Amino acid sequence: MKHSLELFEQPIPTLRAPQPEDGERVALLAKDDRKQAFGELLGELSDFEQFMNTSIVAEVDGEVVGAVLAYVPPYAPNTLNILQVVIHENEENKGLGSLMLGQLMRRKVCAEITQVETTISACDDVTWALFRRFARWQRSRMEITPFFTQALQPRRRHENDNQVTIQLAGETNNPV
C-alpha cells in the first residue's frame, strides 16, 4: 500500500474514446485469454460509434494502462452494459477503474442511463471490489443473479459468472 503522499506524485491518466489501434495495446494488458479477447474486441468495435462513445481508454505517458468496454443495448436504452474492465498491473489499486467508470458516467451519452449491468466471475475479487465501490458511489446496492453457471461452462467448472445490476443515483449523472 502506498503512502498518501506517494499517490499525489502519480501521473494523471488521460482518458479518451478508444481507437481501432488500441485493441492490440489493450490485449497486451490482459492476464488471461478472456481479457485478451476483450482487447481484440475493443479494436474491432471502436469503429462503431455506439461502442466508441460508451467505452474509454486510459493512457499514462502515451502507454495504454486501462480500458472499459461498454455499450447501451438498443433494447434497453436506459442501461449501460459493461462488457469488460482491464487495468495494467502497475496501475492496480490506484483507483483507475473508478476514475474510468466515473468519467464514462459523466458523458452526455450516459445522461439517460438509470442502471449499469455487468457480469463478474465469482473468483474475480478485484472486479467485485470495483463494482462495490461504484454501487456505494451511486448510493445503491448490487443486485446479483447467476448468469453462466458451472453447468454451462465445461472448461471453467470451478466458478460461476454473475449478472450484476446497479441502479443509479440521479444527481451523480451530470453530462459533460
N, C-alpha and C. Protein backbone atom coordinates (compact mmCIF):
# COMPACT_ATOMS: atom_id res chain seq x y z
N MET A 1 0.85 -1.18 0.00
CA MET A 1 0.00 0.00 0.00
C MET A 1 0.89 1.24 0.00
N LYS A 2 0.61 2.16 -0.88
CA LYS A 2 1.39 3.39 -0.98
C LYS A 2 0.96 4.37 0.09
N HIS A 3 1.91 5.19 0.53
CA HIS A 3 1.58 6.27 1.45
C HIS A 3 0.77 7.31 0.69
N SER A 4 -0.06 8.06 1.39
CA SER A 4 -0.96 9.00 0.72
C SER A 4 -0.21 10.05 -0.10
N LEU A 5 0.96 10.51 0.34
CA LEU A 5 1.71 11.49 -0.44
C LEU A 5 2.22 10.91 -1.75
N GLU A 6 2.56 9.63 -1.76
CA GLU A 6 3.03 8.99 -2.98
C GLU A 6 1.94 8.96 -4.05
N LEU A 7 0.67 8.86 -3.63
CA LEU A 7 -0.42 8.86 -4.60
C LEU A 7 -0.51 10.18 -5.35
N PHE A 8 -0.16 11.29 -4.68
CA PHE A 8 -0.20 12.59 -5.34
C PHE A 8 0.92 12.75 -6.35
N GLU A 9 1.95 11.95 -6.25
CA GLU A 9 3.07 12.02 -7.17
C GLU A 9 2.86 11.17 -8.41
N GLN A 10 1.78 10.42 -8.48
CA GLN A 10 1.50 9.56 -9.62
C GLN A 10 1.06 10.40 -10.81
N PRO A 11 1.46 10.02 -12.04
CA PRO A 11 0.99 10.74 -13.21
C PRO A 11 -0.53 10.60 -13.37
N ILE A 12 -1.15 11.64 -13.87
CA ILE A 12 -2.59 11.63 -14.06
C ILE A 12 -2.89 11.01 -15.42
N PRO A 13 -3.72 9.98 -15.46
CA PRO A 13 -4.02 9.33 -16.74
C PRO A 13 -4.88 10.22 -17.63
N THR A 14 -4.68 10.10 -18.92
CA THR A 14 -5.53 10.73 -19.92
C THR A 14 -6.62 9.73 -20.26
N LEU A 15 -7.86 10.17 -20.22
CA LEU A 15 -8.99 9.30 -20.54
C LEU A 15 -9.59 9.76 -21.86
N ARG A 16 -9.82 8.81 -22.76
CA ARG A 16 -10.32 9.15 -24.09
C ARG A 16 -11.12 7.98 -24.67
N ALA A 17 -11.81 8.27 -25.78
CA ALA A 17 -12.53 7.23 -26.51
C ALA A 17 -11.53 6.31 -27.19
N PRO A 18 -11.84 5.04 -27.30
CA PRO A 18 -10.92 4.10 -27.96
C PRO A 18 -10.85 4.33 -29.46
N GLN A 19 -9.72 3.97 -30.03
CA GLN A 19 -9.49 3.99 -31.47
C GLN A 19 -9.19 2.55 -31.91
N PRO A 20 -9.37 2.22 -33.18
CA PRO A 20 -9.14 0.84 -33.63
C PRO A 20 -7.75 0.31 -33.26
N GLU A 21 -6.72 1.15 -33.30
CA GLU A 21 -5.37 0.69 -33.00
C GLU A 21 -5.16 0.37 -31.52
N ASP A 22 -6.11 0.76 -30.66
CA ASP A 22 -5.99 0.47 -29.23
C ASP A 22 -6.22 -1.00 -28.91
N GLY A 23 -6.91 -1.73 -29.79
CA GLY A 23 -7.26 -3.12 -29.49
C GLY A 23 -6.06 -3.97 -29.14
N GLU A 24 -5.03 -3.90 -29.94
CA GLU A 24 -3.83 -4.70 -29.69
C GLU A 24 -3.15 -4.26 -28.40
N ARG A 25 -3.12 -2.95 -28.16
CA ARG A 25 -2.47 -2.43 -26.94
C ARG A 25 -3.23 -2.86 -25.68
N VAL A 26 -4.55 -2.89 -25.78
CA VAL A 26 -5.35 -3.33 -24.64
C VAL A 26 -5.19 -4.83 -24.44
N ALA A 27 -5.12 -5.59 -25.52
CA ALA A 27 -4.94 -7.05 -25.40
C ALA A 27 -3.65 -7.38 -24.66
N LEU A 28 -2.63 -6.54 -24.82
CA LEU A 28 -1.36 -6.78 -24.13
C LEU A 28 -1.47 -6.61 -22.61
N LEU A 29 -2.49 -5.87 -22.16
CA LEU A 29 -2.70 -5.70 -20.71
C LEU A 29 -3.28 -6.95 -20.07
N ALA A 30 -3.87 -7.77 -20.89
CA ALA A 30 -4.64 -8.91 -20.39
C ALA A 30 -3.75 -9.95 -19.74
N LYS A 31 -4.29 -10.55 -18.68
CA LYS A 31 -3.57 -11.61 -17.98
C LYS A 31 -4.11 -12.99 -18.33
N ASP A 32 -5.25 -13.02 -19.03
CA ASP A 32 -5.82 -14.30 -19.40
C ASP A 32 -6.48 -14.20 -20.77
N ASP A 33 -6.86 -15.35 -21.32
CA ASP A 33 -7.40 -15.41 -22.67
C ASP A 33 -8.68 -14.59 -22.83
N ARG A 34 -9.54 -14.59 -21.80
CA ARG A 34 -10.79 -13.85 -21.90
C ARG A 34 -10.53 -12.36 -22.05
N LYS A 35 -9.56 -11.83 -21.31
CA LYS A 35 -9.27 -10.40 -21.41
C LYS A 35 -8.49 -10.08 -22.68
N GLN A 36 -7.70 -11.03 -23.19
CA GLN A 36 -7.04 -10.80 -24.48
C GLN A 36 -8.10 -10.68 -25.57
N ALA A 37 -9.12 -11.51 -25.50
CA ALA A 37 -10.21 -11.43 -26.47
C ALA A 37 -10.90 -10.08 -26.36
N PHE A 38 -10.98 -9.53 -25.14
CA PHE A 38 -11.56 -8.21 -24.94
C PHE A 38 -10.78 -7.15 -25.70
N GLY A 39 -9.47 -7.20 -25.65
CA GLY A 39 -8.64 -6.24 -26.38
C GLY A 39 -8.89 -6.32 -27.87
N GLU A 40 -8.97 -7.52 -28.39
CA GLU A 40 -9.25 -7.70 -29.81
C GLU A 40 -10.64 -7.17 -30.15
N LEU A 41 -11.60 -7.44 -29.28
CA LEU A 41 -12.96 -6.97 -29.49
C LEU A 41 -13.01 -5.44 -29.46
N LEU A 42 -12.30 -4.84 -28.52
CA LEU A 42 -12.26 -3.38 -28.42
C LEU A 42 -11.73 -2.78 -29.72
N GLY A 43 -10.70 -3.36 -30.27
CA GLY A 43 -10.16 -2.87 -31.53
C GLY A 43 -11.17 -2.94 -32.65
N GLU A 44 -11.92 -4.03 -32.70
CA GLU A 44 -12.93 -4.20 -33.75
C GLU A 44 -14.11 -3.24 -33.55
N LEU A 45 -14.57 -3.12 -32.31
CA LEU A 45 -15.79 -2.36 -32.05
C LEU A 45 -15.57 -0.86 -31.98
N SER A 46 -14.33 -0.42 -31.78
CA SER A 46 -14.11 1.02 -31.65
C SER A 46 -14.41 1.76 -32.95
N ASP A 47 -14.56 1.03 -34.05
CA ASP A 47 -15.00 1.66 -35.30
C ASP A 47 -16.49 2.03 -35.24
N PHE A 48 -17.22 1.41 -34.34
CA PHE A 48 -18.65 1.65 -34.25
C PHE A 48 -18.95 2.69 -33.19
N GLU A 49 -19.67 3.74 -33.58
CA GLU A 49 -19.93 4.86 -32.69
C GLU A 49 -20.60 4.43 -31.39
N GLN A 50 -21.50 3.42 -31.45
CA GLN A 50 -22.21 3.02 -30.25
C GLN A 50 -21.27 2.47 -29.18
N PHE A 51 -20.11 1.94 -29.57
CA PHE A 51 -19.13 1.45 -28.59
C PHE A 51 -18.10 2.53 -28.27
N MET A 52 -17.70 3.30 -29.27
CA MET A 52 -16.68 4.31 -29.07
C MET A 52 -17.13 5.34 -28.03
N ASN A 53 -18.39 5.75 -28.07
CA ASN A 53 -18.88 6.77 -27.16
C ASN A 53 -19.10 6.26 -25.75
N THR A 54 -19.25 4.95 -25.59
CA THR A 54 -19.53 4.39 -24.27
C THR A 54 -18.38 3.56 -23.72
N SER A 55 -17.25 3.61 -24.39
CA SER A 55 -16.05 2.91 -23.90
C SER A 55 -14.98 3.95 -23.63
N ILE A 56 -13.95 3.54 -22.91
CA ILE A 56 -12.93 4.50 -22.51
C ILE A 56 -11.57 3.80 -22.42
N VAL A 57 -10.53 4.54 -22.78
CA VAL A 57 -9.16 4.05 -22.69
C VAL A 57 -8.39 5.03 -21.81
N ALA A 58 -7.53 4.51 -20.94
CA ALA A 58 -6.68 5.34 -20.08
C ALA A 58 -5.24 5.20 -20.53
N GLU A 59 -4.56 6.33 -20.65
CA GLU A 59 -3.14 6.35 -21.03
C GLU A 59 -2.34 7.11 -19.99
N VAL A 60 -1.13 6.66 -19.76
CA VAL A 60 -0.15 7.38 -18.94
C VAL A 60 1.13 7.44 -19.77
N ASP A 61 1.60 8.64 -20.01
CA ASP A 61 2.82 8.85 -20.80
C ASP A 61 2.76 8.12 -22.15
N GLY A 62 1.59 8.17 -22.81
CA GLY A 62 1.42 7.57 -24.13
C GLY A 62 1.20 6.08 -24.14
N GLU A 63 1.23 5.43 -22.99
CA GLU A 63 1.01 3.98 -22.90
C GLU A 63 -0.40 3.70 -22.40
N VAL A 64 -1.09 2.78 -23.05
CA VAL A 64 -2.43 2.37 -22.61
C VAL A 64 -2.27 1.57 -21.31
N VAL A 65 -2.95 2.02 -20.26
CA VAL A 65 -2.85 1.35 -18.96
C VAL A 65 -4.19 0.82 -18.46
N GLY A 66 -5.27 1.12 -19.19
CA GLY A 66 -6.57 0.63 -18.76
C GLY A 66 -7.62 0.88 -19.82
N ALA A 67 -8.71 0.15 -19.72
CA ALA A 67 -9.82 0.33 -20.67
C ALA A 67 -11.10 -0.24 -20.08
N VAL A 68 -12.20 0.35 -20.51
CA VAL A 68 -13.54 -0.15 -20.20
C VAL A 68 -14.28 -0.26 -21.53
N LEU A 69 -14.84 -1.43 -21.80
CA LEU A 69 -15.65 -1.64 -23.00
C LEU A 69 -17.10 -1.75 -22.53
N ALA A 70 -17.93 -0.84 -23.03
CA ALA A 70 -19.33 -0.80 -22.61
C ALA A 70 -20.20 -0.37 -23.79
N TYR A 71 -21.49 -0.63 -23.68
CA TYR A 71 -22.43 -0.18 -24.71
C TYR A 71 -23.82 -0.07 -24.11
N VAL A 72 -24.68 0.65 -24.82
CA VAL A 72 -26.08 0.77 -24.46
C VAL A 72 -26.86 -0.14 -25.41
N PRO A 73 -27.44 -1.22 -24.92
CA PRO A 73 -28.18 -2.13 -25.81
C PRO A 73 -29.38 -1.42 -26.43
N PRO A 74 -29.64 -1.63 -27.71
CA PRO A 74 -30.77 -0.95 -28.35
C PRO A 74 -32.12 -1.31 -27.72
N TYR A 75 -32.22 -2.48 -27.12
CA TYR A 75 -33.46 -2.92 -26.49
C TYR A 75 -33.61 -2.41 -25.05
N ALA A 76 -32.57 -1.75 -24.52
CA ALA A 76 -32.60 -1.23 -23.15
C ALA A 76 -31.85 0.11 -23.10
N PRO A 77 -32.42 1.18 -23.65
CA PRO A 77 -31.71 2.45 -23.78
C PRO A 77 -31.38 3.14 -22.45
N ASN A 78 -31.87 2.62 -21.35
CA ASN A 78 -31.53 3.19 -20.04
C ASN A 78 -30.46 2.39 -19.31
N THR A 79 -29.86 1.40 -19.99
CA THR A 79 -28.89 0.50 -19.36
C THR A 79 -27.53 0.64 -20.03
N LEU A 80 -26.50 0.79 -19.22
CA LEU A 80 -25.12 0.73 -19.72
C LEU A 80 -24.61 -0.66 -19.35
N ASN A 81 -24.27 -1.44 -20.37
CA ASN A 81 -23.75 -2.79 -20.15
C ASN A 81 -22.24 -2.74 -20.26
N ILE A 82 -21.56 -3.03 -19.17
CA ILE A 82 -20.11 -3.02 -19.15
C ILE A 82 -19.62 -4.44 -19.42
N LEU A 83 -19.00 -4.60 -20.59
CA LEU A 83 -18.54 -5.92 -21.01
C LEU A 83 -17.24 -6.31 -20.33
N GLN A 84 -16.34 -5.34 -20.14
CA GLN A 84 -15.03 -5.68 -19.55
C GLN A 84 -14.33 -4.44 -19.05
N VAL A 85 -13.57 -4.63 -17.98
CA VAL A 85 -12.66 -3.61 -17.44
C VAL A 85 -11.30 -4.29 -17.35
N VAL A 86 -10.28 -3.64 -17.89
CA VAL A 86 -8.93 -4.19 -17.81
C VAL A 86 -7.98 -3.06 -17.39
N ILE A 87 -7.07 -3.37 -16.48
CA ILE A 87 -6.13 -2.39 -15.94
C ILE A 87 -4.75 -3.03 -15.86
N HIS A 88 -3.74 -2.30 -16.30
CA HIS A 88 -2.35 -2.77 -16.23
C HIS A 88 -2.00 -3.04 -14.77
N GLU A 89 -1.24 -4.11 -14.53
CA GLU A 89 -0.91 -4.49 -13.15
C GLU A 89 -0.19 -3.38 -12.39
N ASN A 90 0.58 -2.52 -13.07
CA ASN A 90 1.26 -1.41 -12.38
C ASN A 90 0.30 -0.30 -11.95
N GLU A 91 -0.90 -0.31 -12.49
CA GLU A 91 -1.89 0.72 -12.17
C GLU A 91 -2.98 0.22 -11.25
N GLU A 92 -2.92 -1.05 -10.85
CA GLU A 92 -3.93 -1.59 -9.95
C GLU A 92 -3.84 -0.92 -8.58
N ASN A 93 -4.95 -0.84 -7.90
CA ASN A 93 -5.05 -0.27 -6.55
C ASN A 93 -4.73 1.22 -6.51
N LYS A 94 -4.92 1.91 -7.63
CA LYS A 94 -4.71 3.36 -7.68
C LYS A 94 -6.00 4.10 -8.00
N GLY A 95 -7.10 3.37 -8.11
CA GLY A 95 -8.39 4.00 -8.38
C GLY A 95 -8.67 4.24 -9.85
N LEU A 96 -7.87 3.65 -10.74
CA LEU A 96 -8.07 3.89 -12.17
C LEU A 96 -9.42 3.36 -12.66
N GLY A 97 -9.82 2.19 -12.20
CA GLY A 97 -11.12 1.64 -12.60
C GLY A 97 -12.26 2.57 -12.20
N SER A 98 -12.23 3.08 -10.98
CA SER A 98 -13.25 4.02 -10.52
C SER A 98 -13.22 5.31 -11.32
N LEU A 99 -12.02 5.80 -11.62
CA LEU A 99 -11.87 7.01 -12.42
C LEU A 99 -12.49 6.83 -13.81
N MET A 100 -12.20 5.70 -14.46
CA MET A 100 -12.75 5.45 -15.80
C MET A 100 -14.27 5.33 -15.75
N LEU A 101 -14.81 4.59 -14.78
CA LEU A 101 -16.26 4.46 -14.67
C LEU A 101 -16.92 5.82 -14.40
N GLY A 102 -16.32 6.60 -13.52
CA GLY A 102 -16.87 7.92 -13.20
C GLY A 102 -16.90 8.83 -14.42
N GLN A 103 -15.79 8.85 -15.17
CA GLN A 103 -15.72 9.68 -16.37
C GLN A 103 -16.74 9.21 -17.41
N LEU A 104 -16.86 7.91 -17.56
CA LEU A 104 -17.82 7.35 -18.50
C LEU A 104 -19.24 7.78 -18.15
N MET A 105 -19.60 7.72 -16.87
CA MET A 105 -20.95 8.06 -16.45
C MET A 105 -21.26 9.55 -16.61
N ARG A 106 -20.23 10.38 -16.71
CA ARG A 106 -20.44 11.82 -16.88
C ARG A 106 -20.58 12.24 -18.35
N ARG A 107 -20.39 11.30 -19.26
CA ARG A 107 -20.53 11.62 -20.68
C ARG A 107 -22.00 11.84 -21.02
N LYS A 108 -22.22 12.71 -22.01
CA LYS A 108 -23.57 13.02 -22.46
C LYS A 108 -24.34 11.77 -22.88
N VAL A 109 -23.64 10.85 -23.51
CA VAL A 109 -24.27 9.62 -24.00
C VAL A 109 -24.88 8.81 -22.85
N CYS A 110 -24.43 9.04 -21.62
CA CYS A 110 -24.95 8.30 -20.46
C CYS A 110 -25.97 9.11 -19.64
N ALA A 111 -26.40 10.25 -20.17
CA ALA A 111 -27.33 11.11 -19.43
C ALA A 111 -28.64 10.42 -19.07
N GLU A 112 -29.11 9.52 -19.92
CA GLU A 112 -30.39 8.85 -19.69
C GLU A 112 -30.23 7.48 -19.04
N ILE A 113 -29.01 7.10 -18.71
CA ILE A 113 -28.76 5.79 -18.11
C ILE A 113 -29.28 5.77 -16.67
N THR A 114 -30.05 4.74 -16.34
CA THR A 114 -30.57 4.60 -14.99
C THR A 114 -30.02 3.36 -14.28
N GLN A 115 -29.34 2.49 -15.04
CA GLN A 115 -28.74 1.32 -14.40
C GLN A 115 -27.53 0.86 -15.19
N VAL A 116 -26.61 0.23 -14.46
CA VAL A 116 -25.40 -0.35 -15.05
C VAL A 116 -25.47 -1.85 -14.82
N GLU A 117 -25.14 -2.61 -15.87
CA GLU A 117 -25.08 -4.06 -15.76
C GLU A 117 -23.70 -4.55 -16.16
N THR A 118 -23.28 -5.63 -15.54
CA THR A 118 -22.03 -6.29 -15.91
C THR A 118 -22.11 -7.73 -15.45
N THR A 119 -21.19 -8.55 -15.92
CA THR A 119 -21.06 -9.90 -15.38
C THR A 119 -19.69 -10.00 -14.72
N ILE A 120 -19.65 -10.68 -13.58
CA ILE A 120 -18.42 -10.82 -12.82
C ILE A 120 -18.25 -12.27 -12.42
N SER A 121 -17.07 -12.82 -12.68
CA SER A 121 -16.76 -14.18 -12.25
C SER A 121 -16.71 -14.23 -10.73
N ALA A 122 -17.15 -15.33 -10.18
CA ALA A 122 -17.21 -15.47 -8.72
C ALA A 122 -15.85 -15.26 -8.07
N CYS A 123 -14.76 -15.62 -8.75
CA CYS A 123 -13.43 -15.53 -8.14
C CYS A 123 -12.68 -14.24 -8.48
N ASP A 124 -13.31 -13.28 -9.16
CA ASP A 124 -12.64 -12.04 -9.58
C ASP A 124 -12.79 -10.97 -8.50
N ASP A 125 -12.00 -11.07 -7.44
CA ASP A 125 -12.11 -10.16 -6.30
C ASP A 125 -11.88 -8.70 -6.65
N VAL A 126 -10.98 -8.42 -7.58
CA VAL A 126 -10.68 -7.03 -7.95
C VAL A 126 -11.90 -6.38 -8.60
N THR A 127 -12.56 -7.09 -9.50
CA THR A 127 -13.74 -6.54 -10.17
C THR A 127 -14.90 -6.40 -9.20
N TRP A 128 -15.07 -7.36 -8.30
CA TRP A 128 -16.11 -7.22 -7.27
C TRP A 128 -15.88 -5.96 -6.45
N ALA A 129 -14.64 -5.71 -6.06
CA ALA A 129 -14.34 -4.52 -5.25
C ALA A 129 -14.65 -3.24 -6.03
N LEU A 130 -14.28 -3.21 -7.31
CA LEU A 130 -14.55 -2.03 -8.15
C LEU A 130 -16.04 -1.74 -8.20
N PHE A 131 -16.87 -2.75 -8.45
CA PHE A 131 -18.29 -2.50 -8.60
C PHE A 131 -18.98 -2.29 -7.25
N ARG A 132 -18.42 -2.81 -6.17
CA ARG A 132 -18.96 -2.46 -4.84
C ARG A 132 -18.74 -0.98 -4.57
N ARG A 133 -17.54 -0.46 -4.91
CA ARG A 133 -17.26 0.98 -4.75
C ARG A 133 -18.21 1.80 -5.63
N PHE A 134 -18.40 1.35 -6.86
CA PHE A 134 -19.29 2.06 -7.77
C PHE A 134 -20.71 2.10 -7.21
N ALA A 135 -21.20 0.98 -6.68
CA ALA A 135 -22.54 0.94 -6.10
C ALA A 135 -22.64 1.88 -4.90
N ARG A 136 -21.61 1.92 -4.06
CA ARG A 136 -21.62 2.86 -2.92
C ARG A 136 -21.67 4.31 -3.42
N TRP A 137 -20.88 4.61 -4.44
CA TRP A 137 -20.88 5.95 -5.02
C TRP A 137 -22.28 6.32 -5.51
N GLN A 138 -22.99 5.33 -6.03
CA GLN A 138 -24.35 5.55 -6.52
C GLN A 138 -25.39 5.48 -5.40
N ARG A 139 -24.93 5.26 -4.18
CA ARG A 139 -25.84 5.08 -3.04
C ARG A 139 -26.88 4.00 -3.37
N SER A 140 -26.35 2.91 -3.89
CA SER A 140 -27.19 1.82 -4.35
C SER A 140 -26.59 0.50 -3.86
N ARG A 141 -27.23 -0.56 -4.20
CA ARG A 141 -26.67 -1.87 -3.90
C ARG A 141 -26.66 -2.68 -5.18
N MET A 142 -25.89 -3.72 -5.16
CA MET A 142 -25.76 -4.58 -6.33
C MET A 142 -26.82 -5.68 -6.27
N GLU A 143 -27.58 -5.81 -7.34
CA GLU A 143 -28.48 -6.95 -7.49
C GLU A 143 -27.70 -8.02 -8.23
N ILE A 144 -27.57 -9.19 -7.63
CA ILE A 144 -26.72 -10.25 -8.18
C ILE A 144 -27.58 -11.47 -8.50
N THR A 145 -27.46 -11.93 -9.76
CA THR A 145 -28.16 -13.15 -10.17
C THR A 145 -27.18 -14.02 -10.95
N PRO A 146 -27.31 -15.35 -10.85
CA PRO A 146 -26.44 -16.24 -11.62
C PRO A 146 -26.63 -15.98 -13.12
N PHE A 147 -25.53 -16.00 -13.86
CA PHE A 147 -25.59 -15.74 -15.30
C PHE A 147 -25.11 -16.95 -16.07
N PHE A 148 -23.83 -17.28 -15.97
CA PHE A 148 -23.29 -18.52 -16.51
C PHE A 148 -22.92 -19.39 -15.33
N THR A 149 -23.59 -20.49 -15.19
CA THR A 149 -23.31 -21.38 -14.06
C THR A 149 -22.26 -22.42 -14.47
N GLN A 150 -21.77 -23.13 -13.51
CA GLN A 150 -20.77 -24.16 -13.75
C GLN A 150 -21.24 -25.16 -14.81
N ALA A 151 -22.51 -25.47 -14.81
CA ALA A 151 -23.03 -26.46 -15.77
C ALA A 151 -22.90 -25.99 -17.21
N LEU A 152 -22.90 -24.68 -17.44
CA LEU A 152 -22.81 -24.14 -18.80
C LEU A 152 -21.37 -23.90 -19.25
N GLN A 153 -20.41 -24.07 -18.37
CA GLN A 153 -19.02 -23.77 -18.68
C GLN A 153 -18.14 -24.97 -18.40
N PRO A 154 -18.08 -25.92 -19.29
CA PRO A 154 -17.33 -27.16 -19.01
C PRO A 154 -15.85 -26.92 -18.70
N ARG A 155 -15.24 -25.92 -19.28
CA ARG A 155 -13.82 -25.69 -19.03
C ARG A 155 -13.57 -24.83 -17.78
N ARG A 156 -14.63 -24.27 -17.21
CA ARG A 156 -14.48 -23.41 -16.03
C ARG A 156 -15.43 -23.88 -14.94
N ARG A 157 -15.40 -25.14 -14.65
CA ARG A 157 -16.35 -25.72 -13.69
C ARG A 157 -16.19 -25.19 -12.27
N HIS A 158 -15.08 -24.55 -11.98
CA HIS A 158 -14.82 -24.10 -10.62
C HIS A 158 -15.45 -22.75 -10.30
N GLU A 159 -16.09 -22.09 -11.28
CA GLU A 159 -16.62 -20.76 -10.98
C GLU A 159 -17.90 -20.47 -11.75
N ASN A 160 -18.69 -19.57 -11.21
CA ASN A 160 -19.88 -19.05 -11.85
C ASN A 160 -19.62 -17.62 -12.27
N ASP A 161 -20.31 -17.15 -13.29
CA ASP A 161 -20.35 -15.74 -13.63
C ASP A 161 -21.71 -15.23 -13.17
N ASN A 162 -21.70 -14.06 -12.56
CA ASN A 162 -22.93 -13.49 -12.03
C ASN A 162 -23.27 -12.21 -12.76
N GLN A 163 -24.56 -12.01 -13.03
CA GLN A 163 -25.06 -10.76 -13.59
C GLN A 163 -25.23 -9.78 -12.44
N VAL A 164 -24.62 -8.61 -12.56
CA VAL A 164 -24.71 -7.58 -11.52
C VAL A 164 -25.42 -6.37 -12.11
N THR A 165 -26.45 -5.89 -11.42
CA THR A 165 -27.18 -4.70 -11.83
C THR A 165 -27.11 -3.69 -10.71
N ILE A 166 -26.78 -2.44 -11.08
CA ILE A 166 -26.70 -1.35 -10.10
C ILE A 166 -27.60 -0.23 -10.59
N GLN A 167 -28.58 0.14 -9.77
CA GLN A 167 -29.44 1.27 -10.08
C GLN A 167 -28.67 2.56 -9.78
N LEU A 168 -28.78 3.54 -10.65
CA LEU A 168 -28.00 4.76 -10.49
C LEU A 168 -28.74 5.82 -9.69
N ALA A 169 -27.95 6.58 -8.92
CA ALA A 169 -28.47 7.75 -8.24
C ALA A 169 -28.58 8.87 -9.27
N GLY A 170 -29.65 9.58 -9.30
CA GLY A 170 -29.92 10.58 -10.34
C GLY A 170 -28.93 11.72 -10.40
N GLU A 171 -28.56 12.33 -9.29
CA GLU A 171 -27.78 13.55 -9.35
C GLU A 171 -26.30 13.37 -9.64
N THR A 172 -25.76 12.15 -9.64
CA THR A 172 -24.33 11.99 -9.95
C THR A 172 -24.08 11.88 -11.43
N ASN A 173 -25.14 11.73 -12.21
CA ASN A 173 -25.00 11.58 -13.66
C ASN A 173 -25.08 12.94 -14.35
N ASN A 174 -24.08 13.79 -14.17
CA ASN A 174 -24.07 15.10 -14.80
C ASN A 174 -23.33 15.02 -16.12
N PRO A 175 -24.04 15.16 -17.26
CA PRO A 175 -23.36 15.04 -18.55
C PRO A 175 -22.36 16.16 -18.79
N VAL A 176 -21.24 15.78 -19.40
CA VAL A 176 -20.20 16.76 -19.72
C VAL A 176 -20.15 16.92 -21.22
